[in-house]
C-alpha cells in the first residue's frame, strides 16, 4: 500500500511541477474549440509505460500460461499421490490456471507504471531488445522455474531473519509490554 501511495504522490508531484506543455487543438461535441494541455513529462511517462508493458510481457515469455498450467498439474499430481480427493484436484486443474492467468494479467497492468517510473526509456528498450533475442527468450522461460525453485530458500532465509531480529529486539525492549500496548515499551521506561 505504501508503494502505491508513493507512486501516486510521485505522479501528482510530476503533474504539479512546472513541465513544458504544448497545446493541442480539439473541439467538443458542439464544435467549440478545446485546449488540451499535454506535458512532455506525461508524454514521456506514457511512452515509458507502453515500453514497460511490452517489457513485462516479453519478459514473462510467450509460454507463461502453459508454464503456470504445468505447475498446477504437477502440484495436483503430487497432492493426489498424497491422498487428496481426485475431484478436488480436477477442479483445481480446471480452474487454477485460468484464475492465475487473470491474476497475472492484472499484476502486469499494475506493474507497468512502476517499471515506467523506475526505468528510463533507454533502459526499457535495452531490456526489450535482450528478451527478444533467442538467449533472452531462454532466460525468460526459465525465470518462473527459477522463482519456484528459489522460493523455499527465500522463505527459510526470511524466517531466520525474523527470528534473529525479534530475538534481538526483545532482548533490548520489553516485548510483553509491546504486545499489550499500541507502542513498544522501552526497557526501563514506562
C-alpha atoms as a PDB file:
ATOM      1  CA  UNK A   1       0.000   0.000   0.000  1.00  0.00           C
ATOM      2  CA  UNK A   2       2.866   2.371   0.796  1.00  0.00           C
ATOM      3  CA  UNK A   3       4.406   1.714  -2.625  1.00  0.00           C
ATOM      4  CA  UNK A   4       1.109   2.598  -4.333  1.00  0.00           C
ATOM      5  CA  UNK A   5       0.736   5.732  -2.205  1.00  0.00           C
ATOM      6  CA  UNK A   6       4.312   6.785  -3.052  1.00  0.00           C
ATOM      7  CA  UNK A   7       3.688   6.171  -6.754  1.00  0.00           C
ATOM      8  CA  UNK A   8       0.503   8.271  -6.689  1.00  0.00           C
ATOM      9  CA  UNK A   9       2.331  11.002  -4.770  1.00  0.00           C
ATOM     10  CA  UNK A  10       5.161  10.981  -7.326  1.00  0.00           C
ATOM     11  CA  UNK A  11       2.699  11.185 -10.208  1.00  0.00           C
ATOM     12  CA  UNK A  12       0.855  14.095  -8.578  1.00  0.00           C
ATOM     13  CA  UNK A  13       4.123  15.920  -7.976  1.00  0.00           C
ATOM     14  CA  UNK A  14       5.195  15.432 -11.588  1.00  0.00           C
ATOM     15  CA  UNK A  15       1.859  16.798 -12.792  1.00  0.00           C
ATOM     16  CA  UNK A  16       2.049  19.833 -10.494  1.00  0.00           C
ATOM     17  CA  UNK A  17       5.699  20.580 -11.240  1.00  0.00           C
ATOM     18  CA  UNK A  18       6.275  23.128 -13.965  1.00  0.00           C
ATOM     19  CA  UNK A  19       6.578  20.846 -17.004  1.00  0.00           C
ATOM     20  CA  UNK A  20       6.918  22.050 -20.567  1.00  0.00           C
ATOM     21  CA  UNK A  21       3.461  21.983 -22.153  1.00  0.00           C
ATOM     22  CA  UNK A  22       2.143  22.037 -25.653  1.00  0.00           C
ATOM     23  CA  UNK A  23      -1.430  22.842 -26.704  1.00  0.00           C
ATOM     24  CA  UNK A  24      -3.365  20.565 -28.997  1.00  0.00           C
ATOM     25  CA  UNK A  25      -6.450  21.947 -30.763  1.00  0.00           C
ATOM     26  CA  UNK A  26      -9.610  19.861 -30.261  1.00  0.00           C
ATOM     27  CA  UNK A  27     -13.312  20.540 -30.293  1.00  0.00           C
ATOM     28  CA  UNK A  28     -16.113  19.433 -28.013  1.00  0.00           C
ATOM     29  CA  UNK A  29     -19.399  17.835 -29.122  1.00  0.00           C
ATOM     30  CA  UNK A  30     -20.713  21.270 -30.283  1.00  0.00           C
ATOM     31  CA  UNK A  31     -17.611  22.044 -32.311  1.00  0.00           C
ATOM     32  CA  UNK A  32     -16.332  24.539 -29.740  1.00  0.00           C
ATOM     33  CA  UNK A  33     -12.535  24.681 -29.558  1.00  0.00           C
ATOM     34  CA  UNK A  34     -10.965  22.990 -26.576  1.00  0.00           C
ATOM     35  CA  UNK A  35      -7.414  23.262 -25.432  1.00  0.00           C
ATOM     36  CA  UNK A  36      -5.865  20.131 -24.029  1.00  0.00           C
ATOM     37  CA  UNK A  37      -2.592  20.550 -22.216  1.00  0.00           C
ATOM     38  CA  UNK A  38      -0.221  17.628 -22.663  1.00  0.00           C
ATOM     39  CA  UNK A  39       3.025  17.854 -20.779  1.00  0.00           C
ATOM     40  CA  UNK A  40       6.221  16.455 -22.166  1.00  0.00           C
ATOM     41  CA  UNK A  41       6.582  14.645 -18.844  1.00  0.00           C
ATOM     42  CA  UNK A  42       3.210  12.963 -19.386  1.00  0.00           C
ATOM     43  CA  UNK A  43       4.115  12.035 -22.964  1.00  0.00           C
ATOM     44  CA  UNK A  44       7.426  10.567 -21.782  1.00  0.00           C
ATOM     45  CA  UNK A  45       5.685   8.708 -18.979  1.00  0.00           C
ATOM     46  CA  UNK A  46       3.093   7.312 -21.384  1.00  0.00           C
ATOM     47  CA  UNK A  47       5.843   6.098 -23.719  1.00  0.00           C
ATOM     48  CA  UNK A  48       7.760   4.513 -20.814  1.00  0.00           C
ATOM     49  CA  UNK A  49       4.545   2.849 -19.583  1.00  0.00           C
ATOM     50  CA  UNK A  50       3.935   1.446 -23.066  1.00  0.00           C
ATOM     51  CA  UNK A  51       7.512   0.150 -23.186  1.00  0.00           C
ATOM     52  CA  UNK A  52       7.227  -1.205 -19.635  1.00  0.00           C
ATOM     53  CA  UNK A  53       4.126  -3.174 -20.546  1.00  0.00           C
ATOM     54  CA  UNK A  54       5.942  -4.588 -23.582  1.00  0.00           C
ATOM     55  CA  UNK A  55       8.980  -5.449 -21.442  1.00  0.00           C
ATOM     56  CA  UNK A  56       6.911  -7.257 -18.826  1.00  0.00           C
ATOM     57  CA  UNK A  57       5.061  -9.249 -21.490  1.00  0.00           C
ATOM     58  CA  UNK A  58       8.226 -10.226 -23.373  1.00  0.00           C
ATOM     59  CA  UNK A  59       9.976 -10.870 -20.042  1.00  0.00           C
ATOM     60  CA  UNK A  60       7.421 -13.386 -18.792  1.00  0.00           C
ATOM     61  CA  UNK A  61       7.635 -15.198 -22.111  1.00  0.00           C
ATOM     62  CA  UNK A  62       5.176 -16.457 -24.663  1.00  0.00           C
ATOM     63  CA  UNK A  63       4.678 -19.766 -22.841  1.00  0.00           C
ATOM     64  CA  UNK A  64       3.977 -18.296 -19.422  1.00  0.00           C
ATOM     65  CA  UNK A  65       0.365 -19.523 -19.332  1.00  0.00           C
ATOM     66  CA  UNK A  66       1.476 -23.036 -20.300  1.00  0.00           C
ATOM     67  CA  UNK A  67       4.154 -22.940 -17.595  1.00  0.00           C
ATOM     68  CA  UNK A  68       1.576 -21.965 -14.970  1.00  0.00           C
ATOM     69  CA  UNK A  69      -0.743 -24.731 -16.109  1.00  0.00           C
ATOM     70  CA  UNK A  70       2.101 -27.272 -15.964  1.00  0.00           C
ATOM     71  CA  UNK A  71       2.969 -26.126 -12.432  1.00  0.00           C
ATOM     72  CA  UNK A  72      -0.635 -26.576 -11.282  1.00  0.00           C
ATOM     73  CA  UNK A  73      -0.830 -30.009 -12.932  1.00  0.00           C
ATOM     74  CA  UNK A  74       2.383 -31.121 -11.225  1.00  0.00           C
ATOM     75  CA  UNK A  75       1.238 -29.826  -7.838  1.00  0.00           C
ATOM     76  CA  UNK A  76      -2.137 -31.540  -8.180  1.00  0.00           C
ATOM     77  CA  UNK A  77      -0.492 -34.845  -9.138  1.00  0.00           C
ATOM     78  CA  UNK A  78       1.680 -34.572  -6.028  1.00  0.00           C
ATOM     79  CA  UNK A  79      -1.359 -33.836  -3.842  1.00  0.00           C
ATOM     80  CA  UNK A  80      -3.325 -36.728  -5.360  1.00  0.00           C
ATOM     81  CA  UNK A  81      -0.379 -39.041  -4.658  1.00  0.00           C
ATOM     82  CA  UNK A  82      -0.558 -37.876  -1.027  1.00  0.00           C
ATOM     83  CA  UNK A  83      -4.275 -38.722  -0.825  1.00  0.00           C
ATOM     84  CA  UNK A  84      -6.097 -35.582  -1.986  1.00  0.00           C
ATOM     85  CA  UNK A  85      -9.540 -36.367  -3.403  1.00  0.00           C
ATOM     86  CA  UNK A  86      -9.340 -36.661  -7.215  1.00  0.00           C
ATOM     87  CA  UNK A  87     -12.402 -34.445  -7.786  1.00  0.00           C
ATOM     88  CA  UNK A  88     -10.764 -31.595  -5.858  1.00  0.00           C
ATOM     89  CA  UNK A  89      -7.529 -31.958  -7.820  1.00  0.00           C
ATOM     90  CA  UNK A  90      -9.543 -31.995 -11.072  1.00  0.00           C
ATOM     91  CA  UNK A  91     -11.339 -28.797 -10.027  1.00  0.00           C
ATOM     92  CA  UNK A  92      -8.001 -27.081  -9.341  1.00  0.00           C
ATOM     93  CA  UNK A  93      -6.548 -28.264 -12.655  1.00  0.00           C
ATOM     94  CA  UNK A  94      -9.608 -26.883 -14.462  1.00  0.00           C
ATOM     95  CA  UNK A  95      -9.842 -23.536 -12.640  1.00  0.00           C
ATOM     96  CA  UNK A  96      -6.485 -22.516 -11.156  1.00  0.00           C
ATOM     97  CA  UNK A  97      -4.638 -21.829 -14.453  1.00  0.00           C
ATOM     98  CA  UNK A  98      -7.401 -19.518 -15.715  1.00  0.00           C
ATOM     99  CA  UNK A  99      -7.578 -17.695 -12.396  1.00  0.00           C
ATOM    100  CA  UNK A 100      -3.771 -17.464 -12.182  1.00  0.00           C
ATOM    101  CA  UNK A 101      -3.611 -16.034 -15.699  1.00  0.00           C
ATOM    102  CA  UNK A 102      -6.236 -13.408 -14.810  1.00  0.00           C
ATOM    103  CA  UNK A 103      -4.281 -12.510 -11.678  1.00  0.00           C
ATOM    104  CA  UNK A 104      -1.044 -12.245 -13.679  1.00  0.00           C
ATOM    105  CA  UNK A 105      -2.713 -10.016 -16.299  1.00  0.00           C
ATOM    106  CA  UNK A 106      -3.899  -7.690 -13.527  1.00  0.00           C
ATOM    107  CA  UNK A 107      -0.444  -7.679 -11.977  1.00  0.00           C
ATOM    108  CA  UNK A 108       1.185  -6.879 -15.323  1.00  0.00           C
ATOM    109  CA  UNK A 109      -1.173  -3.935 -15.764  1.00  0.00           C
ATOM    110  CA  UNK A 110      -0.448  -2.738 -12.230  1.00  0.00           C
ATOM    111  CA  UNK A 111       3.333  -3.114 -12.591  1.00  0.00           C
ATOM    112  CA  UNK A 112       3.740  -1.278 -15.917  1.00  0.00           C
ATOM    113  CA  UNK A 113       3.552   2.232 -14.370  1.00  0.00           C
ATOM    114  CA  UNK A 114       6.006   1.156 -11.658  1.00  0.00           C
ATOM    115  CA  UNK A 115       8.506  -0.071 -14.253  1.00  0.00           C
ATOM    116  CA  UNK A 116       7.957   3.167 -16.198  1.00  0.00           C
ATOM    117  CA  UNK A 117       8.759   5.190 -13.102  1.00  0.00           C
ATOM    118  CA  UNK A 118      11.922   3.241 -12.277  1.00  0.00           C
ATOM    119  CA  UNK A 119      13.477   2.646 -15.696  1.00  0.00           C
ATOM    120  CA  UNK A 120      14.417   5.187 -18.356  1.00  0.00           C
ATOM    121  CA  UNK A 121      13.227   4.783 -21.939  1.00  0.00           C
ATOM    122  CA  UNK A 122      16.696   3.604 -22.945  1.00  0.00           C
ATOM    123  CA  UNK A 123      16.831   1.023 -20.146  1.00  0.00           C
ATOM    124  CA  UNK A 124      13.394  -0.324 -21.081  1.00  0.00           C
ATOM    125  CA  UNK A 125      14.358  -0.548 -24.762  1.00  0.00           C
ATOM    126  CA  UNK A 126      17.606  -2.351 -23.918  1.00  0.00           C
ATOM    127  CA  UNK A 127      15.793  -4.928 -21.792  1.00  0.00           C
ATOM    128  CA  UNK A 128      13.183  -5.489 -24.508  1.00  0.00           C
ATOM    129  CA  UNK A 129      15.943  -5.939 -27.081  1.00  0.00           C
ATOM    130  CA  UNK A 130      17.567  -8.569 -24.847  1.00  0.00           C
ATOM    131  CA  UNK A 131      14.357 -10.519 -24.168  1.00  0.00           C
ATOM    132  CA  UNK A 132      13.563 -10.582 -27.895  1.00  0.00           C
ATOM    133  CA  UNK A 133      16.825 -12.435 -28.638  1.00  0.00           C
ATOM    134  CA  UNK A 134      16.979 -16.253 -28.560  1.00  0.00           C
ATOM    135  CA  UNK A 135      19.026 -16.214 -25.328  1.00  0.00           C
ATOM    136  CA  UNK A 136      16.636 -13.653 -23.810  1.00  0.00           C
ATOM    137  CA  UNK A 137      13.684 -15.927 -24.590  1.00  0.00           C
ATOM    138  CA  UNK A 138      15.531 -18.819 -22.923  1.00  0.00           C
ATOM    139  CA  UNK A 139      16.181 -16.695 -19.841  1.00  0.00           C
ATOM    140  CA  UNK A 140      12.544 -15.582 -19.630  1.00  0.00           C
ATOM    141  CA  UNK A 141      11.299 -19.161 -19.966  1.00  0.00           C
ATOM    142  CA  UNK A 142      13.495 -20.210 -17.038  1.00  0.00           C
ATOM    143  CA  UNK A 143      12.574 -17.277 -14.791  1.00  0.00           C
ATOM    144  CA  UNK A 144       9.347 -18.858 -13.499  1.00  0.00           C
ATOM    145  CA  UNK A 145      11.168 -22.145 -12.895  1.00  0.00           C
ATOM    146  CA  UNK A 146      13.907 -20.264 -11.022  1.00  0.00           C
ATOM    147  CA  UNK A 147      11.364 -18.366  -8.923  1.00  0.00           C
ATOM    148  CA  UNK A 148       9.647 -21.580  -7.860  1.00  0.00           C
ATOM    149  CA  UNK A 149      12.962 -23.302  -7.108  1.00  0.00           C
ATOM    150  CA  UNK A 150      14.278 -20.386  -5.045  1.00  0.00           C
ATOM    151  CA  UNK A 151      11.108 -19.753  -3.013  1.00  0.00           C
ATOM    152  CA  UNK A 152      11.847 -22.319  -0.249  1.00  0.00           C
ATOM    153  CA  UNK A 153      15.326 -20.822   0.181  1.00  0.00           C
ATOM    154  CA  UNK A 154      13.903 -17.306   0.379  1.00  0.00           C
ATOM    155  CA  UNK A 155      11.276 -18.374   2.916  1.00  0.00           C
ATOM    156  CA  UNK A 156      13.928 -20.116   5.024  1.00  0.00           C
ATOM    157  CA  UNK A 157      16.214 -17.056   4.988  1.00  0.00           C
ATOM    158  CA  UNK A 158      13.345 -14.682   5.772  1.00  0.00           C
ATOM    159  CA  UNK A 159      12.163 -16.851   8.637  1.00  0.00           C
ATOM    160  CA  UNK A 160      15.710 -16.965  10.060  1.00  0.00           C
ATOM    161  CA  UNK A 161      15.976 -13.182   9.707  1.00  0.00           C
ATOM    162  CA  UNK A 162      12.662 -12.557  11.508  1.00  0.00           C
ATOM    163  CA  UNK A 163      13.601 -14.926  14.349  1.00  0.00           C
ATOM    164  CA  UNK A 164      17.009 -13.262  14.770  1.00  0.00           C
ATOM    165  CA  UNK A 165      15.553  -9.752  14.508  1.00  0.00           C
ATOM    166  CA  UNK A 166      12.783 -10.374  17.028  1.00  0.00           C
ATOM    167  CA  UNK A 167      15.110 -12.227  19.433  1.00  0.00           C
ATOM    168  CA  UNK A 168      17.477  -9.256  19.478  1.00  0.00           C
ATOM    169  CA  UNK A 169      14.617  -6.738  19.568  1.00  0.00           C
ATOM    170  CA  UNK A 170      13.003  -8.500  22.541  1.00  0.00           C
ATOM    171  CA  UNK A 171      16.384  -8.645  24.304  1.00  0.00           C
ATOM    172  CA  UNK A 172      16.545  -4.843  24.017  1.00  0.00           C
ATOM    173  CA  UNK A 173      12.863  -3.968  24.509  1.00  0.00           C
ATOM    174  CA  UNK A 174      10.048  -5.417  26.586  1.00  0.00           C
ATOM    175  CA  UNK A 175       8.108  -7.486  24.036  1.00  0.00           C
ATOM    176  CA  UNK A 176       5.478  -8.495  26.600  1.00  0.00           C
ATOM    177  CA  UNK A 177       4.631  -4.841  27.236  1.00  0.00           C
ATOM    178  CA  UNK A 178       4.658  -4.132  23.493  1.00  0.00           C
ATOM    179  CA  UNK A 179       2.092  -6.843  22.934  1.00  0.00           C
ATOM    180  CA  UNK A 180      -0.306  -5.239  25.414  1.00  0.00           C
ATOM    181  CA  UNK A 181       0.107  -1.631  24.301  1.00  0.00           C
ATOM    182  CA  UNK A 182      -0.089   0.176  20.977  1.00  0.00           C
ATOM    183  CA  UNK A 183       3.606   1.143  21.001  1.00  0.00           C
ATOM    184  CA  UNK A 184       6.538  -0.929  22.212  1.00  0.00           C
ATOM    185  CA  UNK A 185       7.768  -0.006  25.663  1.00  0.00           C
ATOM    186  CA  UNK A 186      11.489   0.512  26.079  1.00  0.00           C
ATOM    187  CA  UNK A 187      13.024  -1.434  28.950  1.00  0.00           C
ATOM    188  CA  UNK A 188      13.396   0.850  31.907  1.00  0.00           C
ATOM    189  CA  UNK A 189      10.882   3.400  30.524  1.00  0.00           C
ATOM    190  CA  UNK A 190       7.212   3.197  31.426  1.00  0.00           C
END
